[in-house]
Amino acid sequence: MSKGMRILITNDDGIDSEGIRLLERVALQFSDDVWVVAPDGERSGAGHAISISHPIRIRKRDDRHFAVQGTPTDCALLGIHELIAGKQPDVVLSGVNRGPNLAEDVTYSGTCSAAMEGAVLGIPAIALSQFYRYQGQLHWPTAERYAPVVLEQLLNMDWQHGQFVNVNFPECPPEDVKGIRVTRLGLRPGGSFRPVGRVDERHVPYWWIKINFPDGGHELENDLQAIRDNEVSVTPLRLDMTDYHGMERLRTLF
């Protein structure tokens, strides 16, 4: 891609998050045609949801920054189809997310889903996340140093329709990063999310969803292990989620 490429940035942490400001600084190293269309507040865990039962309101911050009362996927759709004048973006960048998007996280993640929507529309798309444990230290300098290194390669590769890439930066200072590993999605043991009951002051029950990632997925080629080894994880993904081995098994049944 050329220096004149058009870049659309979004995320699920909101337009005022540190991660999206970081990603915009990085994107401006590659192009001066950078647009930000992002939720007006946090939409973590929104998945690939779209707003089909209520209107979406937009607040224009300036000519290239738009805050959206909607999901990350709404933001990708509005940026691609409505808010960017002249031509569609050449690439969609989603992030940098505050926290990991590894293994099965991809199915819940608004960050990854915004990139997925780019892939649906045939636009190269990359999701980026900085690993972080609750109440731990956020190593934003790691993402800021390594995002340009990763994007330099990804923005110039031969993209196929329906493909997007998921990038995770490890939980360590930049000087402790061991390298960049191309990975596949890992799989943790079940039980990352649990409803925890509470009772409010009027004695009415309610629930929080507690996040507690179980240890697991210790396999050399997967994204979980790369992050444990202080490596940047780069995972190519496709919209086609067909289980091809499962097809063969099912053909014996039908």
C-alpha atoms as a PDB file:
ATOM      1  CA  MET A   1       0.000   0.000   0.000  1.00  0.00           C
ATOM      2  CA  SER A   2       1.170   3.526  -0.735  1.00  0.00           C
ATOM      3  CA  LYS A   3       1.737   6.461   1.581  1.00  0.00           C
ATOM      4  CA  GLY A   4      -1.527   7.877   0.260  1.00  0.00           C
ATOM      5  CA  MET A   5      -3.659   5.019   1.534  1.00  0.00           C
ATOM      6  CA  ARG A   6      -6.820   5.875   3.454  1.00  0.00           C
ATOM      7  CA  ILE A   7      -6.969   4.406   6.973  1.00  0.00           C
ATOM      8  CA  LEU A   8     -10.116   3.979   9.084  1.00  0.00           C
ATOM      9  CA  ILE A   9      -9.506   3.533  12.825  1.00  0.00           C
ATOM     10  CA  THR A  10     -12.070   2.241  15.307  1.00  0.00           C
ATOM     11  CA  ASN A  11     -12.119   0.238  18.560  1.00  0.00           C
ATOM     12  CA  ASP A  12     -14.401  -0.958  21.360  1.00  0.00           C
ATOM     13  CA  ASP A  13     -12.890   1.039  24.251  1.00  0.00           C
ATOM     14  CA  GLY A  14     -14.267   4.336  23.001  1.00  0.00           C
ATOM     15  CA  ILE A  15     -13.059   7.340  21.050  1.00  0.00           C
ATOM     16  CA  ASP A  16     -11.353   8.915  24.085  1.00  0.00           C
ATOM     17  CA  SER A  17      -9.358   5.824  25.083  1.00  0.00           C
ATOM     18  CA  GLU A  18      -5.577   5.875  25.251  1.00  0.00           C
ATOM     19  CA  GLY A  19      -5.309   2.911  22.878  1.00  0.00           C
ATOM     20  CA  ILE A  20      -7.102   4.622  19.993  1.00  0.00           C
ATOM     21  CA  ARG A  21      -4.980   7.745  20.391  1.00  0.00           C
ATOM     22  CA  LEU A  22      -1.890   5.534  20.292  1.00  0.00           C
ATOM     23  CA  LEU A  23      -3.102   3.782  17.142  1.00  0.00           C
ATOM     24  CA  GLU A  24      -3.807   7.089  15.430  1.00  0.00           C
ATOM     25  CA  ARG A  25      -0.241   8.240  16.161  1.00  0.00           C
ATOM     26  CA  VAL A  26       1.062   5.009  14.640  1.00  0.00           C
ATOM     27  CA  ALA A  27      -1.239   5.217  11.601  1.00  0.00           C
ATOM     28  CA  LEU A  28      -0.040   8.744  10.858  1.00  0.00           C
ATOM     29  CA  GLN A  29       3.434   7.282  10.335  1.00  0.00           C
ATOM     30  CA  PHE A  30       2.022   5.470   7.292  1.00  0.00           C
ATOM     31  CA  SER A  31      -0.467   7.970   5.897  1.00  0.00           C
ATOM     32  CA  ASP A  32      -1.821  11.477   6.390  1.00  0.00           C
ATOM     33  CA  ASP A  33      -5.305  10.271   5.362  1.00  0.00           C
ATOM     34  CA  VAL A  34      -6.425   8.847   8.718  1.00  0.00           C
ATOM     35  CA  TRP A  35     -10.035   8.837   9.953  1.00  0.00           C
ATOM     36  CA  VAL A  36     -11.386   7.858  13.386  1.00  0.00           C
ATOM     37  CA  VAL A  37     -14.946   6.548  13.767  1.00  0.00           C
ATOM     38  CA  ALA A  38     -15.379   4.986  17.199  1.00  0.00           C
ATOM     39  CA  PRO A  39     -17.970   4.416  19.937  1.00  0.00           C
ATOM     40  CA  ASP A  40     -18.713   7.333  22.240  1.00  0.00           C
ATOM     41  CA  GLY A  41     -18.020   5.057  25.233  1.00  0.00           C
ATOM     42  CA  GLU A  42     -16.737   1.597  26.031  1.00  0.00           C
ATOM     43  CA  ARG A  43     -18.378  -1.280  24.142  1.00  0.00           C
ATOM     44  CA  SER A  44     -16.118  -4.138  25.248  1.00  0.00           C
ATOM     45  CA  GLY A  45     -17.663  -7.564  24.696  1.00  0.00           C
ATOM     46  CA  ALA A  46     -20.041  -6.242  22.029  1.00  0.00           C
ATOM     47  CA  GLY A  47     -18.939  -8.934  19.602  1.00  0.00           C
ATOM     48  CA  HIS A  48     -20.165  -8.564  16.028  1.00  0.00           C
ATOM     49  CA  ALA A  49     -23.388  -6.859  17.111  1.00  0.00           C
ATOM     50  CA  ILE A  50     -25.090  -4.283  14.893  1.00  0.00           C
ATOM     51  CA  SER A  51     -27.800  -1.846  15.928  1.00  0.00           C
ATOM     52  CA  ILE A  52     -30.901  -2.836  13.976  1.00  0.00           C
ATOM     53  CA  SER A  53     -33.678  -1.954  16.441  1.00  0.00           C
ATOM     54  CA  HIS A  54     -32.816   1.648  17.348  1.00  0.00           C
ATOM     55  CA  PRO A  55     -31.291   4.687  15.612  1.00  0.00           C
ATOM     56  CA  ILE A  56     -27.567   5.422  15.748  1.00  0.00           C
ATOM     57  CA  ARG A  57     -26.577   8.945  16.741  1.00  0.00           C
ATOM     58  CA  ILE A  58     -23.271  10.468  15.670  1.00  0.00           C
ATOM     59  CA  ARG A  59     -21.348  13.415  17.093  1.00  0.00           C
ATOM     60  CA  LYS A  60     -18.776  14.960  14.768  1.00  0.00           C
ATOM     61  CA  ARG A  61     -15.709  15.996  16.771  1.00  0.00           C
ATOM     62  CA  ASP A  62     -13.933  17.472  13.738  1.00  0.00           C
ATOM     63  CA  ASP A  63     -13.608  16.700  10.032  1.00  0.00           C
ATOM     64  CA  ARG A  64     -12.013  13.274  10.652  1.00  0.00           C
ATOM     65  CA  HIS A  65     -13.182  12.246  14.146  1.00  0.00           C
ATOM     66  CA  PHE A  66     -16.681  10.899  14.820  1.00  0.00           C
ATOM     67  CA  ALA A  67     -18.141   9.561  18.090  1.00  0.00           C
ATOM     68  CA  VAL A  68     -20.889   7.009  17.540  1.00  0.00           C
ATOM     69  CA  GLN A  69     -23.670   5.863  19.883  1.00  0.00           C
ATOM     70  CA  GLY A  70     -23.337   2.310  18.649  1.00  0.00           C
ATOM     71  CA  THR A  71     -21.243  -0.812  18.473  1.00  0.00           C
ATOM     72  CA  PRO A  72     -17.779  -1.199  16.929  1.00  0.00           C
ATOM     73  CA  THR A  73     -19.380  -2.919  13.944  1.00  0.00           C
ATOM     74  CA  ASP A  74     -21.751   0.042  13.549  1.00  0.00           C
ATOM     75  CA  CYS A  75     -18.680   2.287  13.531  1.00  0.00           C
ATOM     76  CA  ALA A  76     -16.995   0.253  10.803  1.00  0.00           C
ATOM     77  CA  LEU A  77     -20.145   0.325   8.687  1.00  0.00           C
ATOM     78  CA  LEU A  78     -20.664   4.065   9.128  1.00  0.00           C
ATOM     79  CA  GLY A  79     -17.030   4.854   8.442  1.00  0.00           C
ATOM     80  CA  ILE A  80     -16.896   2.742   5.313  1.00  0.00           C
ATOM     81  CA  HIS A  81     -20.290   3.635   3.824  1.00  0.00           C
ATOM     82  CA  GLU A  82     -21.258   7.080   5.124  1.00  0.00           C
ATOM     83  CA  LEU A  83     -18.800   9.288   6.972  1.00  0.00           C
ATOM     84  CA  ILE A  84     -15.655   9.188   4.838  1.00  0.00           C
ATOM     85  CA  ALA A  85     -16.131  11.188   1.680  1.00  0.00           C
ATOM     86  CA  GLY A  86     -14.718  10.359  -1.730  1.00  0.00           C
ATOM     87  CA  LYS A  87     -13.630   6.745  -1.490  1.00  0.00           C
ATOM     88  CA  GLN A  88     -13.704   3.841   0.924  1.00  0.00           C
ATOM     89  CA  PRO A  89     -10.811   3.174   3.304  1.00  0.00           C
ATOM     90  CA  ASP A  90      -7.958   1.065   2.022  1.00  0.00           C
ATOM     91  CA  VAL A  91      -7.519  -0.550   5.440  1.00  0.00           C
ATOM     92  CA  VAL A  92      -9.398  -0.826   8.754  1.00  0.00           C
ATOM     93  CA  LEU A  93      -7.370  -0.737  11.997  1.00  0.00           C
ATOM     94  CA  SER A  94      -9.196  -1.625  15.216  1.00  0.00           C
ATOM     95  CA  GLY A  95      -7.635  -0.964  18.625  1.00  0.00           C
ATOM     96  CA  VAL A  96      -5.337  -0.719  20.354  1.00  0.00           C
ATOM     97  CA  ASN A  97      -7.514  -2.615  22.811  1.00  0.00           C
ATOM     98  CA  ARG A  98      -6.903  -2.294  26.558  1.00  0.00           C
ATOM     99  CA  GLY A  99      -6.554  -5.993  27.320  1.00  0.00           C
ATOM    100  CA  PRO A 100      -6.028  -9.221  25.395  1.00  0.00           C
ATOM    101  CA  ASN A 101      -7.987 -10.583  22.470  1.00  0.00           C
ATOM    102  CA  LEU A 102      -6.615 -14.108  22.392  1.00  0.00           C
ATOM    103  CA  ALA A 103      -8.056 -17.546  21.678  1.00  0.00           C
ATOM    104  CA  GLU A 104     -11.864 -17.586  22.108  1.00  0.00           C
ATOM    105  CA  ASP A 105     -11.822 -13.859  23.025  1.00  0.00           C
ATOM    106  CA  VAL A 106     -12.109 -13.230  19.289  1.00  0.00           C
ATOM    107  CA  THR A 107     -15.747 -14.371  19.377  1.00  0.00           C
ATOM    108  CA  TYR A 108     -16.681 -11.816  22.074  1.00  0.00           C
ATOM    109  CA  SER A 109     -14.428  -8.954  21.067  1.00  0.00           C
ATOM    110  CA  GLY A 110     -15.793  -5.739  19.629  1.00  0.00           C
ATOM    111  CA  THR A 111     -12.243  -4.881  18.577  1.00  0.00           C
ATOM    112  CA  CYS A 112     -11.899  -8.025  16.486  1.00  0.00           C
ATOM    113  CA  SER A 113     -15.452  -7.743  15.175  1.00  0.00           C
ATOM    114  CA  ALA A 114     -14.846  -4.274  13.742  1.00  0.00           C
ATOM    115  CA  ALA A 115     -11.900  -5.745  11.841  1.00  0.00           C
ATOM    116  CA  MET A 116     -14.109  -8.660  10.826  1.00  0.00           C
ATOM    117  CA  GLU A 117     -16.614  -6.239   9.307  1.00  0.00           C
ATOM    118  CA  GLY A 118     -13.832  -4.765   7.214  1.00  0.00           C
ATOM    119  CA  ALA A 119     -13.068  -8.275   5.971  1.00  0.00           C
ATOM    120  CA  VAL A 120     -16.761  -8.854   5.185  1.00  0.00           C
ATOM    121  CA  LEU A 121     -16.605  -5.805   2.900  1.00  0.00           C
ATOM    122  CA  GLY A 122     -13.364  -6.884   1.241  1.00  0.00           C
ATOM    123  CA  ILE A 123     -11.126  -4.349   3.026  1.00  0.00           C
ATOM    124  CA  PRO A 124      -7.830  -5.420   4.647  1.00  0.00           C
ATOM    125  CA  ALA A 125      -8.373  -5.233   8.401  1.00  0.00           C
ATOM    126  CA  ILE A 126      -6.190  -5.615  11.491  1.00  0.00           C
ATOM    127  CA  ALA A 127      -7.191  -5.820  15.166  1.00  0.00           C
ATOM    128  CA  LEU A 128      -4.552  -4.818  17.721  1.00  0.00           C
ATOM    129  CA  SER A 129      -4.575  -5.416  21.493  1.00  0.00           C
ATOM    130  CA  GLN A 130      -2.219  -4.777  24.403  1.00  0.00           C
ATOM    131  CA  PHE A 131      -2.243  -7.629  26.934  1.00  0.00           C
ATOM    132  CA  TYR A 132      -3.174  -6.438  30.410  1.00  0.00           C
ATOM    133  CA  ARG A 133      -4.240  -8.101  33.658  1.00  0.00           C
ATOM    134  CA  TYR A 134      -6.764  -6.356  35.857  1.00  0.00           C
ATOM    135  CA  GLN A 135      -4.970  -4.106  38.343  1.00  0.00           C
ATOM    136  CA  GLY A 136      -1.711  -4.852  36.537  1.00  0.00           C
ATOM    137  CA  GLN A 137       0.569  -2.521  34.593  1.00  0.00           C
ATOM    138  CA  LEU A 138      -0.436  -1.428  31.118  1.00  0.00           C
ATOM    139  CA  HIS A 139       2.601  -1.488  28.837  1.00  0.00           C
ATOM    140  CA  TRP A 140       1.423   0.978  26.180  1.00  0.00           C
ATOM    141  CA  PRO A 141       5.042   1.664  25.104  1.00  0.00           C
ATOM    142  CA  THR A 142       5.219  -1.969  23.918  1.00  0.00           C
ATOM    143  CA  ALA A 143       2.285  -1.474  21.555  1.00  0.00           C
ATOM    144  CA  GLU A 144       3.656   1.876  20.413  1.00  0.00           C
ATOM    145  CA  ARG A 145       7.042   0.408  19.554  1.00  0.00           C
ATOM    146  CA  TYR A 146       5.906  -2.821  17.902  1.00  0.00           C
ATOM    147  CA  ALA A 147       2.692  -1.753  16.127  1.00  0.00           C
ATOM    148  CA  PRO A 148       4.663   0.081  13.403  1.00  0.00           C
ATOM    149  CA  VAL A 149       6.929  -2.948  12.944  1.00  0.00           C
ATOM    150  CA  VAL A 150       3.966  -5.281  12.473  1.00  0.00           C
ATOM    151  CA  LEU A 151       1.930  -2.880  10.329  1.00  0.00           C
ATOM    152  CA  GLU A 152       4.879  -2.235   8.009  1.00  0.00           C
ATOM    153  CA  GLN A 153       4.699  -5.878   6.940  1.00  0.00           C
ATOM    154  CA  LEU A 154       0.934  -6.410   7.053  1.00  0.00           C
ATOM    155  CA  LEU A 155       0.015  -3.298   5.085  1.00  0.00           C
ATOM    156  CA  ASN A 156       2.209  -4.446   2.222  1.00  0.00           C
ATOM    157  CA  MET A 157       1.220  -8.101   2.066  1.00  0.00           C
ATOM    158  CA  ASP A 158      -1.055  -9.693  -0.525  1.00  0.00           C
ATOM    159  CA  TRP A 159      -4.495  -9.648   1.114  1.00  0.00           C
ATOM    160  CA  GLN A 160      -7.257 -12.090   0.208  1.00  0.00           C
ATOM    161  CA  HIS A 161     -10.981 -11.418   0.465  1.00  0.00           C
ATOM    162  CA  GLY A 162     -12.409 -12.527   3.812  1.00  0.00           C
ATOM    163  CA  GLN A 163      -9.095 -12.347   5.654  1.00  0.00           C
ATOM    164  CA  PHE A 164      -8.222 -10.274   8.718  1.00  0.00           C
ATOM    165  CA  VAL A 165      -5.348 -10.342  11.199  1.00  0.00           C
ATOM    166  CA  ASN A 166      -5.385 -10.333  15.006  1.00  0.00           C
ATOM    167  CA  VAL A 167      -2.315  -8.838  16.746  1.00  0.00           C
ATOM    168  CA  ASN A 168      -1.590  -9.003  20.498  1.00  0.00           C
ATOM    169  CA  PHE A 169       1.303  -7.309  22.282  1.00  0.00           C
ATOM    170  CA  PRO A 170       2.725  -9.014  25.399  1.00  0.00           C
ATOM    171  CA  GLU A 171       2.557  -7.852  29.004  1.00  0.00           C
ATOM    172  CA  CYS A 172       6.117  -6.583  29.340  1.00  0.00           C
ATOM    173  CA  PRO A 173       8.205  -3.488  28.607  1.00  0.00           C
ATOM    174  CA  PRO A 174       9.306  -3.160  24.968  1.00  0.00           C
ATOM    175  CA  GLU A 175      12.901  -4.052  25.781  1.00  0.00           C
ATOM    176  CA  ASP A 176      11.741  -7.454  27.117  1.00  0.00           C
ATOM    177  CA  VAL A 177       9.845  -8.501  23.979  1.00  0.00           C
ATOM    178  CA  LYS A 178      11.484 -11.648  22.585  1.00  0.00           C
ATOM    179  CA  GLY A 179      10.211 -11.425  19.029  1.00  0.00           C
ATOM    180  CA  ILE A 180       7.171 -11.704  16.769  1.00  0.00           C
ATOM    181  CA  ARG A 181       5.455 -15.074  16.317  1.00  0.00           C
ATOM    182  CA  VAL A 182       2.885 -16.030  13.690  1.00  0.00           C
ATOM    183  CA  THR A 183       0.291 -18.024  15.601  1.00  0.00           C
ATOM    184  CA  ARG A 184      -3.035 -19.796  15.470  1.00  0.00           C
ATOM    185  CA  LEU A 185      -5.874 -19.260  17.922  1.00  0.00           C
ATOM    186  CA  GLY A 186      -5.448 -21.065  21.218  1.00  0.00           C
ATOM    187  CA  LEU A 187      -8.249 -22.454  23.354  1.00  0.00           C
ATOM    188  CA  ARG A 188      -8.494 -22.011  27.111  1.00  0.00           C
ATOM    189  CA  PRO A 189     -10.452 -24.395  29.326  1.00  0.00           C
ATOM    190  CA  GLY A 190     -14.080 -23.345  29.678  1.00  0.00           C
ATOM    191  CA  GLY A 191     -15.131 -21.003  32.436  1.00  0.00           C
ATOM    192  CA  SER A 192     -13.649 -17.582  31.626  1.00  0.00           C
ATOM    193  CA  PHE A 193     -16.980 -15.856  32.283  1.00  0.00           C
ATOM    194  CA  ARG A 194     -19.228 -16.475  35.275  1.00  0.00           C
ATOM    195  CA  PRO A 195     -22.370 -14.641  36.427  1.00  0.00           C
ATOM    196  CA  VAL A 196     -21.993 -13.421  40.018  1.00  0.00           C
ATOM    197  CA  GLY A 197     -25.188 -12.545  41.862  1.00  0.00           C
ATOM    198  CA  ARG A 198     -25.751  -9.419  43.970  1.00  0.00           C
ATOM    199  CA  VAL A 199     -28.739  -7.789  45.673  1.00  0.00           C
ATOM    200  CA  ASP A 200     -29.385  -4.051  45.404  1.00  0.00           C
ATOM    201  CA  GLU A 201     -30.624  -1.729  48.142  1.00  0.00           C
ATOM    202  CA  ARG A 202     -34.231  -2.525  47.269  1.00  0.00           C
ATOM    203  CA  HIS A 203     -33.517  -6.267  47.675  1.00  0.00           C
ATOM    204  CA  VAL A 204     -33.783  -6.885  43.939  1.00  0.00           C
ATOM    205  CA  PRO A 205     -31.250  -9.397  42.553  1.00  0.00           C
ATOM    206  CA  TYR A 206     -28.864  -8.522  39.730  1.00  0.00           C
ATOM    207  CA  TRP A 207     -25.722 -10.031  38.225  1.00  0.00           C
ATOM    208  CA  TRP A 208     -22.230  -9.034  37.091  1.00  0.00           C
ATOM    209  CA  ILE A 209     -20.346 -11.185  34.608  1.00  0.00           C
ATOM    210  CA  LYS A 210     -17.001 -11.949  36.261  1.00  0.00           C
ATOM    211  CA  ILE A 211     -13.976 -12.436  34.035  1.00  0.00           C
ATOM    212  CA  ASN A 212     -11.432 -14.983  35.250  1.00  0.00           C
ATOM    213  CA  PHE A 213      -9.299 -16.542  32.534  1.00  0.00           C
ATOM    214  CA  PRO A 214      -8.277 -20.111  33.431  1.00  0.00           C
ATOM    215  CA  ASP A 215      -4.762 -21.218  32.598  1.00  0.00           C
ATOM    216  CA  GLY A 216      -4.421 -23.435  29.553  1.00  0.00           C
ATOM    217  CA  GLY A 217      -3.617 -23.589  25.878  1.00  0.00           C
ATOM    218  CA  HIS A 218       0.084 -24.380  26.362  1.00  0.00           C
ATOM    219  CA  GLU A 219       0.973 -25.170  22.761  1.00  0.00           C
ATOM    220  CA  LEU A 220       3.925 -23.667  20.941  1.00  0.00           C
ATOM    221  CA  GLU A 221       2.138 -22.336  17.869  1.00  0.00           C
ATOM    222  CA  ASN A 222      -0.855 -20.671  19.531  1.00  0.00           C
ATOM    223  CA  ASP A 223      -1.389 -17.063  20.561  1.00  0.00           C
ATOM    224  CA  LEU A 224      -1.727 -17.777  24.292  1.00  0.00           C
ATOM    225  CA  GLN A 225       1.742 -19.315  24.443  1.00  0.00           C
ATOM    226  CA  ALA A 226       3.326 -16.548  22.390  1.00  0.00           C
ATOM    227  CA  ILE A 227       2.120 -13.965  24.914  1.00  0.00           C
ATOM    228  CA  ARG A 228       3.412 -16.103  27.819  1.00  0.00           C
ATOM    229  CA  ASP A 229       6.783 -16.124  26.068  1.00  0.00           C
ATOM    230  CA  ASN A 230       6.770 -12.301  25.788  1.00  0.00           C
ATOM    231  CA  GLU A 231       6.331 -12.398  22.026  1.00  0.00           C
ATOM    232  CA  VAL A 232       4.038 -10.366  19.809  1.00  0.00           C
ATOM    233  CA  SER A 233       1.339 -12.682  18.476  1.00  0.00           C
ATOM    234  CA  VAL A 234       0.177 -12.252  14.861  1.00  0.00           C
ATOM    235  CA  THR A 235      -2.764 -14.502  13.959  1.00  0.00           C
ATOM    236  CA  PRO A 236      -4.264 -14.655  10.450  1.00  0.00           C
ATOM    237  CA  LEU A 237      -8.023 -15.277  10.556  1.00  0.00           C
ATOM    238  CA  ARG A 238     -10.753 -15.871   8.002  1.00  0.00           C
ATOM    239  CA  LEU A 239     -14.498 -15.326   7.936  1.00  0.00           C
ATOM    240  CA  ASP A 240     -14.998 -18.957   6.899  1.00  0.00           C
ATOM    241  CA  MET A 241     -15.438 -20.794  10.225  1.00  0.00           C
ATOM    242  CA  THR A 242     -16.321 -24.118   8.623  1.00  0.00           C
ATOM    243  CA  ASP A 243     -14.983 -27.196  10.432  1.00  0.00           C
ATOM    244  CA  TYR A 244     -13.705 -29.117   7.406  1.00  0.00           C
ATOM    245  CA  HIS A 245     -12.727 -32.194   9.436  1.00  0.00           C
ATOM    246  CA  GLY A 246     -16.200 -32.110  10.951  1.00  0.00           C
ATOM    247  CA  MET A 247     -17.715 -32.104   7.463  1.00  0.00           C
ATOM    248  CA  GLU A 248     -16.070 -35.441   6.749  1.00  0.00           C
ATOM    249  CA  ARG A 249     -17.439 -36.925   9.975  1.00  0.00           C
ATOM    250  CA  LEU A 250     -20.926 -35.608   9.258  1.00  0.00           C
ATOM    251  CA  ARG A 251     -20.891 -37.068   5.743  1.00  0.00           C
ATOM    252  CA  THR A 252     -20.663 -40.504   7.308  1.00  0.00           C
ATOM    253  CA  LEU A 253     -23.865 -39.743   9.234  1.00  0.00           C
ATOM    254  CA  PHE A 254     -25.891 -38.164   6.425  1.00  0.00           C
END
